[in-house]
Amino acid sequence: MDLLDWHRDRLSARRLAVLIKHMPRDSALLSETDGEAAEWSTTDYLLAAVVDHLAVSNWMFSTVNSGEDSEPMDPPKPVPRPGDRANAAMAATETSAAPEPPADAGSEPLSPAELARFFS
């Protein structure tokens, strides 16, 4: 297919738009416009979410069932996703502005805000 056909009136604007809209995920145009996100399908994002939730579930189970003498485990890190570098900079700004928890935070019940931050 020659894209000059659009200028020669052999290819309609609608047909050109349809061709561009339905390009394969590995095309140069989508790689240029979407970056790494062009390589990830909906299934990939859902699978990464499943892995993250399973890791958090295992961490919570281990934390709850560990003895009182053991040190608390670090929470799991999520699976890196496309665009995480930009999101990480924003998250670092948000967490640096978050207030520090009190020293005896383990003895008090968690507030709804703390629970929401944990599960987000």
PDB file of N, CA and C in Angstrom:
ATOM      1  N   MET A   1       0.843  -1.178   0.000  1.00  0.00           N
ATOM      2  CA  MET A   1       0.000   0.000   0.000  1.00  0.00           C
ATOM      3  C   MET A   1       0.888   1.241   0.000  1.00  0.00           C
ATOM      4  N   ASP A   2       0.583   2.160  -0.828  1.00  0.00           N
ATOM      5  CA  ASP A   2       1.324   3.398  -0.949  1.00  0.00           C
ATOM      6  C   ASP A   2       0.505   4.517  -0.314  1.00  0.00           C
ATOM      7  N   LEU A   3       1.067   5.191   0.686  1.00  0.00           N
ATOM      8  CA  LEU A   3       0.342   6.268   1.357  1.00  0.00           C
ATOM      9  C   LEU A   3       0.168   7.500   0.469  1.00  0.00           C
ATOM     10  N   LEU A   4       0.927   7.567  -0.598  1.00  0.00           N
ATOM     11  CA  LEU A   4       0.728   8.673  -1.541  1.00  0.00           C
ATOM     12  C   LEU A   4      -0.606   8.552  -2.284  1.00  0.00           C
ATOM     13  N   ASP A   5      -1.205   7.347  -2.233  1.00  0.00           N
ATOM     14  CA  ASP A   5      -2.529   7.181  -2.839  1.00  0.00           C
ATOM     15  C   ASP A   5      -3.562   8.096  -2.188  1.00  0.00           C
ATOM     16  N   TRP A   6      -3.346   8.448  -0.924  1.00  0.00           N
ATOM     17  CA  TRP A   6      -4.266   9.384  -0.250  1.00  0.00           C
ATOM     18  C   TRP A   6      -4.185  10.760  -0.926  1.00  0.00           C
ATOM     19  N   HIS A   7      -2.985  11.188  -1.263  1.00  0.00           N
ATOM     20  CA  HIS A   7      -2.810  12.479  -1.960  1.00  0.00           C
ATOM     21  C   HIS A   7      -3.292  12.409  -3.401  1.00  0.00           C
ATOM     22  N   ARG A   8      -3.250  11.230  -3.979  1.00  0.00           N
ATOM     23  CA  ARG A   8      -3.680  11.060  -5.374  1.00  0.00           C
ATOM     24  C   ARG A   8      -5.176  10.790  -5.482  1.00  0.00           C
ATOM     25  N   ASP A   9      -5.895  10.829  -4.365  1.00  0.00           N
ATOM     26  CA  ASP A   9      -7.339  10.563  -4.295  1.00  0.00           C
ATOM     27  C   ASP A   9      -7.694   9.136  -4.691  1.00  0.00           C
ATOM     28  N   ARG A  10      -6.793   8.203  -4.471  1.00  0.00           N
ATOM     29  CA  ARG A  10      -7.091   6.787  -4.690  1.00  0.00           C
ATOM     30  C   ARG A  10      -7.422   6.081  -3.367  1.00  0.00           C
ATOM     31  N   LEU A  11      -7.177   6.780  -2.257  1.00  0.00           N
ATOM     32  CA  LEU A  11      -7.412   6.232  -0.923  1.00  0.00           C
ATOM     33  C   LEU A  11      -8.204   7.267  -0.137  1.00  0.00           C
ATOM     34  N   SER A  12      -9.355   6.878   0.364  1.00  0.00           N
ATOM     35  CA  SER A  12     -10.190   7.842   1.094  1.00  0.00           C
ATOM     36  C   SER A  12      -9.614   8.093   2.483  1.00  0.00           C
ATOM     37  N   ALA A  13      -9.977   9.217   3.058  1.00  0.00           N
ATOM     38  CA  ALA A  13      -9.528   9.564   4.405  1.00  0.00           C
ATOM     39  C   ALA A  13     -10.076   8.566   5.422  1.00  0.00           C
ATOM     40  N   ARG A  14     -11.288   8.098   5.193  1.00  0.00           N
ATOM     41  CA  ARG A  14     -11.890   7.118   6.106  1.00  0.00           C
ATOM     42  C   ARG A  14     -11.109   5.810   6.083  1.00  0.00           C
ATOM     43  N   ARG A  15     -10.765   5.344   4.888  1.00  0.00           N
ATOM     44  CA  ARG A  15     -10.001   4.097   4.758  1.00  0.00           C
ATOM     45  C   ARG A  15      -8.623   4.249   5.388  1.00  0.00           C
ATOM     46  N   LEU A  16      -7.980   5.391   5.208  1.00  0.00           N
ATOM     47  CA  LEU A  16      -6.682   5.647   5.809  1.00  0.00           C
ATOM     48  C   LEU A  16      -6.784   5.636   7.339  1.00  0.00           C
ATOM     49  N   ALA A  17      -7.839   6.256   7.880  1.00  0.00           N
ATOM     50  CA  ALA A  17      -8.043   6.268   9.330  1.00  0.00           C
ATOM     51  C   ALA A  17      -8.267   4.860   9.872  1.00  0.00           C
ATOM     52  N   VAL A  18      -9.022   4.050   9.136  1.00  0.00           N
ATOM     53  CA  VAL A  18      -9.267   2.667   9.564  1.00  0.00           C
ATOM     54  C   VAL A  18      -7.963   1.876   9.550  1.00  0.00           C
ATOM     55  N   LEU A  19      -7.150   2.053   8.538  1.00  0.00           N
ATOM     56  CA  LEU A  19      -5.875   1.338   8.456  1.00  0.00           C
ATOM     57  C   LEU A  19      -4.953   1.720   9.615  1.00  0.00           C
ATOM     58  N   ILE A  20      -4.917   3.010   9.939  1.00  0.00           N
ATOM     59  CA  ILE A  20      -4.057   3.460  11.036  1.00  0.00           C
ATOM     60  C   ILE A  20      -4.583   2.972  12.376  1.00  0.00           C
ATOM     61  N   LYS A  21      -5.903   3.007  12.548  1.00  0.00           N
ATOM     62  CA  LYS A  21      -6.500   2.604  13.828  1.00  0.00           C
ATOM     63  C   LYS A  21      -6.274   1.129  14.127  1.00  0.00           C
ATOM     64  N   HIS A  22      -6.271   0.290  13.101  1.00  0.00           N
ATOM     65  CA  HIS A  22      -6.165  -1.144  13.303  1.00  0.00           C
ATOM     66  C   HIS A  22      -4.790  -1.698  12.960  1.00  0.00           C
ATOM     67  N   MET A  23      -3.761  -0.903  13.166  1.00  0.00           N
ATOM     68  CA  MET A  23      -2.400  -1.392  12.930  1.00  0.00           C
ATOM     69  C   MET A  23      -2.035  -2.437  13.975  1.00  0.00           C
ATOM     70  N   PRO A  24      -1.154  -3.358  13.624  1.00  0.00           N
ATOM     71  CA  PRO A  24      -0.736  -4.355  14.615  1.00  0.00           C
ATOM     72  C   PRO A  24       0.015  -3.709  15.775  1.00  0.00           C
ATOM     73  N   ARG A  25      -0.005  -4.383  16.907  1.00  0.00           N
ATOM     74  CA  ARG A  25       0.597  -3.847  18.122  1.00  0.00           C
ATOM     75  C   ARG A  25       2.101  -3.626  17.983  1.00  0.00           C
ATOM     76  N   ASP A  26       2.759  -4.386  17.123  1.00  0.00           N
ATOM     77  CA  ASP A  26       4.209  -4.253  16.969  1.00  0.00           C
ATOM     78  C   ASP A  26       4.604  -3.299  15.842  1.00  0.00           C
ATOM     79  N   SER A  27       3.657  -2.507  15.357  1.00  0.00           N
ATOM     80  CA  SER A  27       3.973  -1.573  14.272  1.00  0.00           C
ATOM     81  C   SER A  27       4.844  -0.425  14.776  1.00  0.00           C
ATOM     82  N   ALA A  28       5.588   0.162  13.876  1.00  0.00           N
ATOM     83  CA  ALA A  28       6.488   1.262  14.227  1.00  0.00           C
ATOM     84  C   ALA A  28       5.709   2.483  14.711  1.00  0.00           C
ATOM     85  N   LEU A  29       4.539   2.741  14.117  1.00  0.00           N
ATOM     86  CA  LEU A  29       3.745   3.899  14.526  1.00  0.00           C
ATOM     87  C   LEU A  29       3.285   3.769  15.967  1.00  0.00           C
ATOM     88  N   LEU A  30       2.733   2.629  16.347  1.00  0.00           N
ATOM     89  CA  LEU A  30       2.274   2.445  17.729  1.00  0.00           C
ATOM     90  C   LEU A  30       3.435   2.419  18.709  1.00  0.00           C
ATOM     91  N   SER A  31       4.558   1.852  18.299  1.00  0.00           N
ATOM     92  CA  SER A  31       5.732   1.873  19.176  1.00  0.00           C
ATOM     93  C   SER A  31       6.208   3.295  19.417  1.00  0.00           C
ATOM     94  N   GLU A  32       6.122   4.133  18.406  1.00  0.00           N
ATOM     95  CA  GLU A  32       6.554   5.524  18.548  1.00  0.00           C
ATOM     96  C   GLU A  32       5.570   6.336  19.387  1.00  0.00           C
ATOM     97  N   THR A  33       4.275   6.146  19.171  1.00  0.00           N
ATOM     98  CA  THR A  33       3.286   6.963  19.886  1.00  0.00           C
ATOM     99  C   THR A  33       3.016   6.463  21.301  1.00  0.00           C
ATOM    100  N   ASP A  34       2.996   5.134  21.522  1.00  0.00           N
ATOM    101  CA  ASP A  34       2.633   4.592  22.827  1.00  0.00           C
ATOM    102  C   ASP A  34       3.822   4.104  23.643  1.00  0.00           C
ATOM    103  N   GLY A  35       4.972   3.961  23.039  1.00  0.00           N
ATOM    104  CA  GLY A  35       6.156   3.488  23.758  1.00  0.00           C
ATOM    105  C   GLY A  35       6.001   2.045  24.191  1.00  0.00           C
ATOM    106  N   GLU A  36       6.410   1.753  25.437  1.00  0.00           N
ATOM    107  CA  GLU A  36       6.347   0.392  25.957  1.00  0.00           C
ATOM    108  C   GLU A  36       4.917  -0.108  26.095  1.00  0.00           C
ATOM    109  N   ALA A  37       3.975   0.796  26.297  1.00  0.00           N
ATOM    110  CA  ALA A  37       2.583   0.386  26.504  1.00  0.00           C
ATOM    111  C   ALA A  37       2.016  -0.314  25.271  1.00  0.00           C
ATOM    112  N   ALA A  38       2.589  -0.070  24.102  1.00  0.00           N
ATOM    113  CA  ALA A  38       2.102  -0.736  22.888  1.00  0.00           C
ATOM    114  C   ALA A  38       2.382  -2.233  22.932  1.00  0.00           C
ATOM    115  N   GLU A  39       3.367  -2.653  23.708  1.00  0.00           N
ATOM    116  CA  GLU A  39       3.721  -4.063  23.797  1.00  0.00           C
ATOM    117  C   GLU A  39       2.832  -4.830  24.769  1.00  0.00           C
ATOM    118  N   TRP A  40       2.100  -4.129  25.633  1.00  0.00           N
ATOM    119  CA  TRP A  40       1.277  -4.780  26.652  1.00  0.00           C
ATOM    120  C   TRP A  40      -0.171  -4.831  26.196  1.00  0.00           C
ATOM    121  N   SER A  41      -0.775  -6.014  26.271  1.00  0.00           N
ATOM    122  CA  SER A  41      -2.197  -6.165  25.980  1.00  0.00           C
ATOM    123  C   SER A  41      -2.981  -6.100  27.289  1.00  0.00           C
ATOM    124  N   THR A  42      -4.285  -6.123  27.180  1.00  0.00           N
ATOM    125  CA  THR A  42      -5.135  -6.131  28.368  1.00  0.00           C
ATOM    126  C   THR A  42      -4.842  -7.359  29.215  1.00  0.00           C
ATOM    127  N   THR A  43      -4.594  -8.481  28.566  1.00  0.00           N
ATOM    128  CA  THR A  43      -4.273  -9.712  29.288  1.00  0.00           C
ATOM    129  C   THR A  43      -2.988  -9.557  30.088  1.00  0.00           C
ATOM    130  N   ASP A  44      -2.002  -8.882  29.520  1.00  0.00           N
ATOM    131  CA  ASP A  44      -0.745  -8.667  30.239  1.00  0.00           C
ATOM    132  C   ASP A  44      -0.956  -7.819  31.486  1.00  0.00           C
ATOM    133  N   TYR A  45      -1.759  -6.757  31.368  1.00  0.00           N
ATOM    134  CA  TYR A  45      -2.047  -5.914  32.530  1.00  0.00           C
ATOM    135  C   TYR A  45      -2.811  -6.697  33.599  1.00  0.00           C
ATOM    136  N   LEU A  46      -3.784  -7.513  33.180  1.00  0.00           N
ATOM    137  CA  LEU A  46      -4.549  -8.305  34.144  1.00  0.00           C
ATOM    138  C   LEU A  46      -3.668  -9.346  34.825  1.00  0.00           C
ATOM    139  N   LEU A  47      -2.771  -9.963  34.073  1.00  0.00           N
ATOM    140  CA  LEU A  47      -1.871 -10.946  34.658  1.00  0.00           C
ATOM    141  C   LEU A  47      -0.925 -10.294  35.668  1.00  0.00           C
ATOM    142  N   ALA A  48      -0.438  -9.111  35.362  1.00  0.00           N
ATOM    143  CA  ALA A  48       0.416  -8.387  36.309  1.00  0.00           C
ATOM    144  C   ALA A  48      -0.358  -8.049  37.580  1.00  0.00           C
ATOM    145  N   ALA A  49      -1.637  -7.671  37.444  1.00  0.00           N
ATOM    146  CA  ALA A  49      -2.463  -7.381  38.618  1.00  0.00           C
ATOM    147  C   ALA A  49      -2.679  -8.633  39.458  1.00  0.00           C
ATOM    148  N   VAL A  50      -2.880  -9.783  38.814  1.00  0.00           N
ATOM    149  CA  VAL A  50      -3.062 -11.047  39.545  1.00  0.00           C
ATOM    150  C   VAL A  50      -1.795 -11.379  40.322  1.00  0.00           C
ATOM    151  N   VAL A  51      -0.645 -11.229  39.689  1.00  0.00           N
ATOM    152  CA  VAL A  51       0.626 -11.522  40.357  1.00  0.00           C
ATOM    153  C   VAL A  51       0.808 -10.589  41.555  1.00  0.00           C
ATOM    154  N   ASP A  52       0.501  -9.302  41.387  1.00  0.00           N
ATOM    155  CA  ASP A  52       0.632  -8.346  42.493  1.00  0.00           C
ATOM    156  C   ASP A  52      -0.288  -8.706  43.649  1.00  0.00           C
ATOM    157  N   HIS A  53      -1.539  -9.038  43.350  1.00  0.00           N
ATOM    158  CA  HIS A  53      -2.494  -9.364  44.407  1.00  0.00           C
ATOM    159  C   HIS A  53      -2.110 -10.663  45.123  1.00  0.00           C
ATOM    160  N   LEU A  54      -1.606 -11.634  44.386  1.00  0.00           N
ATOM    161  CA  LEU A  54      -1.174 -12.880  44.999  1.00  0.00           C
ATOM    162  C   LEU A  54       0.032 -12.647  45.912  1.00  0.00           C
ATOM    163  N   ALA A  55       0.946 -11.816  45.482  1.00  0.00           N
ATOM    164  CA  ALA A  55       2.118 -11.512  46.308  1.00  0.00           C
ATOM    165  C   ALA A  55       1.701 -10.796  47.595  1.00  0.00           C
ATOM    166  N   VAL A  56       0.772  -9.855  47.496  1.00  0.00           N
ATOM    167  CA  VAL A  56       0.292  -9.149  48.687  1.00  0.00           C
ATOM    168  C   VAL A  56      -0.449 -10.111  49.608  1.00  0.00           C
ATOM    169  N   SER A  57      -1.234 -11.005  49.034  1.00  0.00           N
ATOM    170  CA  SER A  57      -1.966 -11.995  49.836  1.00  0.00           C
ATOM    171  C   SER A  57      -0.995 -12.896  50.591  1.00  0.00           C
ATOM    172  N   ASN A  58       0.030 -13.374  49.912  1.00  0.00           N
ATOM    173  CA  ASN A  58       1.033 -14.219  50.574  1.00  0.00           C
ATOM    174  C   ASN A  58       1.775 -13.441  51.651  1.00  0.00           C
ATOM    175  N   TRP A  59       2.093 -12.188  51.372  1.00  0.00           N
ATOM    176  CA  TRP A  59       2.780 -11.353  52.358  1.00  0.00           C
ATOM    177  C   TRP A  59       1.911 -11.138  53.591  1.00  0.00           C
ATOM    178  N   MET A  60       0.620 -10.861  53.371  1.00  0.00           N
ATOM    179  CA  MET A  60      -0.280 -10.653  54.503  1.00  0.00           C
ATOM    180  C   MET A  60      -0.416 -11.937  55.322  1.00  0.00           C
ATOM    181  N   PHE A  61      -0.543 -13.087  54.660  1.00  0.00           N
ATOM    182  CA  PHE A  61      -0.651 -14.362  55.360  1.00  0.00           C
ATOM    183  C   PHE A  61       0.595 -14.617  56.193  1.00  0.00           C
ATOM    184  N   SER A  62       1.761 -14.406  55.609  1.00  0.00           N
ATOM    185  CA  SER A  62       3.019 -14.634  56.322  1.00  0.00           C
ATOM    186  C   SER A  62       3.179 -13.681  57.487  1.00  0.00           C
ATOM    187  N   THR A  63       2.769 -12.431  57.297  1.00  0.00           N
ATOM    188  CA  THR A  63       2.896 -11.440  58.356  1.00  0.00           C
ATOM    189  C   THR A  63       1.983 -11.773  59.529  1.00  0.00           C
ATOM    190  N   VAL A  64       0.757 -12.155  59.231  1.00  0.00           N
ATOM    191  CA  VAL A  64      -0.205 -12.462  60.286  1.00  0.00           C
ATOM    192  C   VAL A  64       0.187 -13.726  61.032  1.00  0.00           C
ATOM    193  N   ASN A  65       0.717 -14.722  60.336  1.00  0.00           N
ATOM    194  CA  ASN A  65       1.025 -16.005  60.954  1.00  0.00           C
ATOM    195  C   ASN A  65       2.457 -16.138  61.438  1.00  0.00           C
ATOM    196  N   SER A  66       3.244 -15.101  61.337  1.00  0.00           N
ATOM    197  CA  SER A  66       4.607 -15.175  61.858  1.00  0.00           C
ATOM    198  C   SER A  66       4.567 -14.925  63.364  1.00  0.00           C
ATOM    199  N   GLY A  67       5.567 -15.395  64.026  1.00  0.00           N
ATOM    200  CA  GLY A  67       5.624 -15.213  65.477  1.00  0.00           C
ATOM    201  C   GLY A  67       5.868 -13.763  65.840  1.00  0.00           C
ATOM    202  N   GLU A  68       5.588 -13.456  67.087  1.00  0.00           N
ATOM    203  CA  GLU A  68       5.773 -12.079  67.553  1.00  0.00           C
ATOM    204  C   GLU A  68       7.250 -11.706  67.624  1.00  0.00           C
ATOM    205  N   ASP A  69       8.117 -12.698  67.756  1.00  0.00           N
ATOM    206  CA  ASP A  69       9.550 -12.428  67.880  1.00  0.00           C
ATOM    207  C   ASP A  69      10.209 -12.126  66.544  1.00  0.00           C
ATOM    208  N   SER A  70       9.584 -12.503  65.446  1.00  0.00           N
ATOM    209  CA  SER A  70      10.214 -12.308  64.140  1.00  0.00           C
ATOM    210  C   SER A  70      10.059 -10.866  63.669  1.00  0.00           C
ATOM    211  N   GLU A  71      11.000 -10.449  62.839  1.00  0.00           N
ATOM    212  CA  GLU A  71      10.941  -9.092  62.290  1.00  0.00           C
ATOM    213  C   GLU A  71       9.872  -9.023  61.209  1.00  0.00           C
ATOM    214  N   PRO A  72       9.216  -7.871  61.080  1.00  0.00           N
ATOM    215  CA  PRO A  72       8.198  -7.762  60.024  1.00  0.00           C
ATOM    216  C   PRO A  72       8.845  -7.814  58.646  1.00  0.00           C
ATOM    217  N   MET A  73       8.141  -8.472  57.732  1.00  0.00           N
ATOM    218  CA  MET A  73       8.634  -8.599  56.363  1.00  0.00           C
ATOM    219  C   MET A  73       8.327  -7.328  55.582  1.00  0.00           C
ATOM    220  N   ASP A  74       9.162  -7.043  54.601  1.00  0.00           N
ATOM    221  CA  ASP A  74       8.896  -5.913  53.715  1.00  0.00           C
ATOM    222  C   ASP A  74       7.761  -6.277  52.771  1.00  0.00           C
ATOM    223  N   PRO A  75       6.870  -5.315  52.472  1.00  0.00           N
ATOM    224  CA  PRO A  75       5.797  -5.623  51.513  1.00  0.00           C
ATOM    225  C   PRO A  75       6.375  -5.888  50.131  1.00  0.00           C
ATOM    226  N   PRO A  76       5.674  -6.693  49.324  1.00  0.00           N
ATOM    227  CA  PRO A  76       6.203  -7.024  47.988  1.00  0.00           C
ATOM    228  C   PRO A  76       6.167  -5.829  47.048  1.00  0.00           C
ATOM    229  N   LYS A  77       7.077  -5.841  46.108  1.00  0.00           N
ATOM    230  CA  LYS A  77       7.108  -4.785  45.096  1.00  0.00           C
ATOM    231  C   LYS A  77       6.230  -5.213  43.921  1.00  0.00           C
ATOM    232  N   PRO A  78       5.441  -4.295  43.362  1.00  0.00           N
ATOM    233  CA  PRO A  78       4.584  -4.672  42.237  1.00  0.00           C
ATOM    234  C   PRO A  78       5.388  -4.948  40.964  1.00  0.00           C
ATOM    235  N   VAL A  79       4.772  -5.688  40.059  1.00  0.00           N
ATOM    236  CA  VAL A  79       5.379  -5.977  38.765  1.00  0.00           C
ATOM    237  C   VAL A  79       5.519  -4.669  38.002  1.00  0.00           C
ATOM    238  N   PRO A  80       6.700  -4.373  37.458  1.00  0.00           N
ATOM    239  CA  PRO A  80       6.857  -3.124  36.699  1.00  0.00           C
ATOM    240  C   PRO A  80       5.971  -3.124  35.460  1.00  0.00           C
ATOM    241  N   ARG A  81       5.345  -1.998  35.221  1.00  0.00           N
ATOM    242  CA  ARG A  81       4.459  -1.839  34.069  1.00  0.00           C
ATOM    243  C   ARG A  81       4.988  -0.719  33.187  1.00  0.00           C
ATOM    244  N   PRO A  82       4.548  -0.690  31.930  1.00  0.00           N
ATOM    245  CA  PRO A  82       4.978   0.396  31.050  1.00  0.00           C
ATOM    246  C   PRO A  82       4.583   1.750  31.634  1.00  0.00           C
ATOM    247  N   GLY A  83       5.485   2.681  31.569  1.00  0.00           N
ATOM    248  CA  GLY A  83       5.212   4.022  32.085  1.00  0.00           C
ATOM    249  C   GLY A  83       5.440   4.140  33.574  1.00  0.00           C
ATOM    250  N   ASP A  84       5.962   3.096  34.227  1.00  0.00           N
ATOM    251  CA  ASP A  84       6.171   3.141  35.673  1.00  0.00           C
ATOM    252  C   ASP A  84       7.242   4.142  36.071  1.00  0.00           C
ATOM    253  N   ARG A  85       8.166   4.447  35.177  1.00  0.00           N
ATOM    254  CA  ARG A  85       9.208   5.417  35.535  1.00  0.00           C
ATOM    255  C   ARG A  85       8.597   6.773  35.804  1.00  0.00           C
ATOM    256  N   ALA A  86       7.644   7.175  34.969  1.00  0.00           N
ATOM    257  CA  ALA A  86       6.982   8.464  35.178  1.00  0.00           C
ATOM    258  C   ALA A  86       6.088   8.402  36.404  1.00  0.00           C
ATOM    259  N   ASN A  87       5.386   7.284  36.596  1.00  0.00           N
ATOM    260  CA  ASN A  87       4.508   7.131  37.747  1.00  0.00           C
ATOM    261  C   ASN A  87       5.302   7.039  39.044  1.00  0.00           C
ATOM    262  N   ALA A  88       6.505   6.461  38.986  1.00  0.00           N
ATOM    263  CA  ALA A  88       7.329   6.330  40.183  1.00  0.00           C
ATOM    264  C   ALA A  88       7.766   7.697  40.700  1.00  0.00           C
ATOM    265  N   ALA A  89       8.053   8.609  39.792  1.00  0.00           N
ATOM    266  CA  ALA A  89       8.434   9.955  40.220  1.00  0.00           C
ATOM    267  C   ALA A  89       7.266  10.653  40.912  1.00  0.00           C
ATOM    268  N   MET A  90       6.052  10.465  40.377  1.00  0.00           N
ATOM    269  CA  MET A  90       4.876  11.061  41.002  1.00  0.00           C
ATOM    270  C   MET A  90       4.592  10.412  42.357  1.00  0.00           C
ATOM    271  N   ALA A  91       4.745   9.087  42.448  1.00  0.00           N
ATOM    272  CA  ALA A  91       4.488   8.384  43.704  1.00  0.00           C
ATOM    273  C   ALA A  91       5.502   8.780  44.766  1.00  0.00           C
ATOM    274  N   ALA A  92       6.762   8.995  44.364  1.00  0.00           N
ATOM    275  CA  ALA A  92       7.778   9.414  45.321  1.00  0.00           C
ATOM    276  C   ALA A  92       7.448  10.780  45.890  1.00  0.00           C
ATOM    277  N   THR A  93       6.904  11.655  45.068  1.00  0.00           N
ATOM    278  CA  THR A  93       6.506  12.975  45.537  1.00  0.00           C
ATOM    279  C   THR A  93       5.355  12.863  46.521  1.00  0.00           C
ATOM    280  N   GLU A  94       4.384  11.994  46.228  1.00  0.00           N
ATOM    281  CA  GLU A  94       3.230  11.822  47.107  1.00  0.00           C
ATOM    282  C   GLU A  94       3.634  11.192  48.433  1.00  0.00           C
ATOM    283  N   THR A  95       4.515  10.178  48.405  1.00  0.00           N
ATOM    284  CA  THR A  95       4.885   9.512  49.645  1.00  0.00           C
ATOM    285  C   THR A  95       5.783  10.393  50.505  1.00  0.00           C
ATOM    286  N   SER A  96       6.565  11.253  49.885  1.00  0.00           N
ATOM    287  CA  SER A  96       7.404  12.126  50.692  1.00  0.00           C
ATOM    288  C   SER A  96       6.569  13.169  51.413  1.00  0.00           C
ATOM    289  N   ALA A  97       5.390  13.498  50.864  1.00  0.00           N
ATOM    290  CA  ALA A  97       4.521  14.467  51.508  1.00  0.00           C
ATOM    291  C   ALA A  97       3.606  13.813  52.533  1.00  0.00           C
ATOM    292  N   ALA A  98       3.566  12.461  52.577  1.00  0.00           N
ATOM    293  CA  ALA A  98       2.696  11.764  53.514  1.00  0.00           C
ATOM    294  C   ALA A  98       3.237  11.901  54.925  1.00  0.00           C
ATOM    295  N   PRO A  99       2.363  12.046  55.923  1.00  0.00           N
ATOM    296  CA  PRO A  99       2.832  12.175  57.300  1.00  0.00           C
ATOM    297  C   PRO A  99       3.421  10.857  57.800  1.00  0.00           C
ATOM    298  N   GLU A 100       4.379  10.946  58.693  1.00  0.00           N
ATOM    299  CA  GLU A 100       5.002   9.764  59.262  1.00  0.00           C
ATOM    300  C   GLU A 100       4.036   9.112  60.250  1.00  0.00           C
ATOM    301  N   PRO A 101       3.962   7.770  60.265  1.00  0.00           N
ATOM    302  CA  PRO A 101       3.092   7.115  61.239  1.00  0.00           C
ATOM    303  C   PRO A 101       3.658   7.265  62.639  1.00  0.00           C
ATOM    304  N   PRO A 102       2.808   7.229  63.648  1.00  0.00           N
ATOM    305  CA  PRO A 102       3.307   7.330  65.015  1.00  0.00           C
ATOM    306  C   PRO A 102       4.188   6.124  65.357  1.00  0.00           C
ATOM    307  N   ALA A 103       5.037   6.277  66.371  1.00  0.00           N
ATOM    308  CA  ALA A 103       5.989   5.226  66.734  1.00  0.00           C
ATOM    309  C   ALA A 103       5.289   3.953  67.181  1.00  0.00           C
ATOM    310  N   ASP A 104       4.129   4.073  67.827  1.00  0.00           N
ATOM    311  CA  ASP A 104       3.412   2.896  68.309  1.00  0.00           C
ATOM    312  C   ASP A 104       2.229   2.566  67.396  1.00  0.00           C
ATOM    313  N   ALA A 105       2.426   2.668  66.079  1.00  0.00           N
ATOM    314  CA  ALA A 105       1.340   2.446  65.121  1.00  0.00           C
ATOM    315  C   ALA A 105       0.845   1.010  65.136  1.00  0.00           C
ATOM    316  N   GLY A 106       1.677   0.052  65.541  1.00  0.00           N
ATOM    317  CA  GLY A 106       1.269  -1.337  65.544  1.00  0.00           C
ATOM    318  C   GLY A 106       0.236  -1.659  66.614  1.00  0.00           C
ATOM    319  N   SER A 107       0.152  -0.852  67.675  1.00  0.00           N
ATOM    320  CA  SER A 107      -0.768  -1.159  68.761  1.00  0.00           C
ATOM    321  C   SER A 107      -2.162  -0.577  68.525  1.00  0.00           C
ATOM    322  N   GLU A 108      -2.306   0.364  67.622  1.00  0.00           N
ATOM    323  CA  GLU A 108      -3.603   0.985  67.351  1.00  0.00           C
ATOM    324  C   GLU A 108      -4.232   0.364  66.112  1.00  0.00           C
ATOM    325  N   PRO A 109      -5.580   0.319  66.065  1.00  0.00           N
ATOM    326  CA  PRO A 109      -6.215  -0.160  64.837  1.00  0.00           C
ATOM    327  C   PRO A 109      -5.948   0.807  63.684  1.00  0.00           C
ATOM    328  N   LEU A 110      -5.898   0.264  62.490  1.00  0.00           N
ATOM    329  CA  LEU A 110      -5.637   1.088  61.313  1.00  0.00           C
ATOM    330  C   LEU A 110      -6.858   1.930  60.971  1.00  0.00           C
ATOM    331  N   SER A 111      -6.613   3.145  60.512  1.00  0.00           N
ATOM    332  CA  SER A 111      -7.703   4.014  60.091  1.00  0.00           C
ATOM    333  C   SER A 111      -8.123   3.627  58.673  1.00  0.00           C
ATOM    334  N   PRO A 112      -9.328   4.029  58.239  1.00  0.00           N
ATOM    335  CA  PRO A 112      -9.749   3.722  56.862  1.00  0.00           C
ATOM    336  C   PRO A 112      -8.786   4.286  55.822  1.00  0.00           C
ATOM    337  N   ALA A 113      -8.206   5.448  56.074  1.00  0.00           N
ATOM    338  CA  ALA A 113      -7.272   6.035  55.125  1.00  0.00           C
ATOM    339  C   ALA A 113      -6.010   5.180  54.987  1.00  0.00           C
ATOM    340  N   GLU A 114      -5.510   4.659  56.128  1.00  0.00           N
ATOM    341  CA  GLU A 114      -4.322   3.802  56.097  1.00  0.00           C
ATOM    342  C   GLU A 114      -4.618   2.495  55.360  1.00  0.00           C
ATOM    343  N   LEU A 115      -5.797   1.930  55.589  1.00  0.00           N
ATOM    344  CA  LEU A 115      -6.184   0.717  54.886  1.00  0.00           C
ATOM    345  C   LEU A 115      -6.307   0.967  53.381  1.00  0.00           C
ATOM    346  N   ALA A 116      -6.892   2.094  53.014  1.00  0.00           N
ATOM    347  CA  ALA A 116      -7.033   2.413  51.580  1.00  0.00           C
ATOM    348  C   ALA A 116      -5.669   2.589  50.939  1.00  0.00           C
ATOM    349  N   ARG A 117      -4.752   3.240  51.645  1.00  0.00           N
ATOM    350  CA  ARG A 117      -3.405   3.436  51.094  1.00  0.00           C
ATOM    351  C   ARG A 117      -2.691   2.083  50.955  1.00  0.00           C
ATOM    352  N   PHE A 118      -2.929   1.174  51.909  1.00  0.00           N
ATOM    353  CA  PHE A 118      -2.308  -0.154  51.841  1.00  0.00           C
ATOM    354  C   PHE A 118      -2.810  -0.941  50.643  1.00  0.00           C
ATOM    355  N   PHE A 119      -4.120  -0.902  50.390  1.00  0.00           N
ATOM    356  CA  PHE A 119      -4.688  -1.710  49.324  1.00  0.00           C
ATOM    357  C   PHE A 119      -4.671  -1.034  47.959  1.00  0.00           C
ATOM    358  N   SER A 120      -4.174   0.183  47.875  1.00  0.00           N
ATOM    359  CA  SER A 120      -4.139   0.844  46.551  1.00  0.00           C
ATOM    360  C   SER A 120      -2.879   0.505  45.818  1.00  0.00           C
TER     361      SER A 120
END
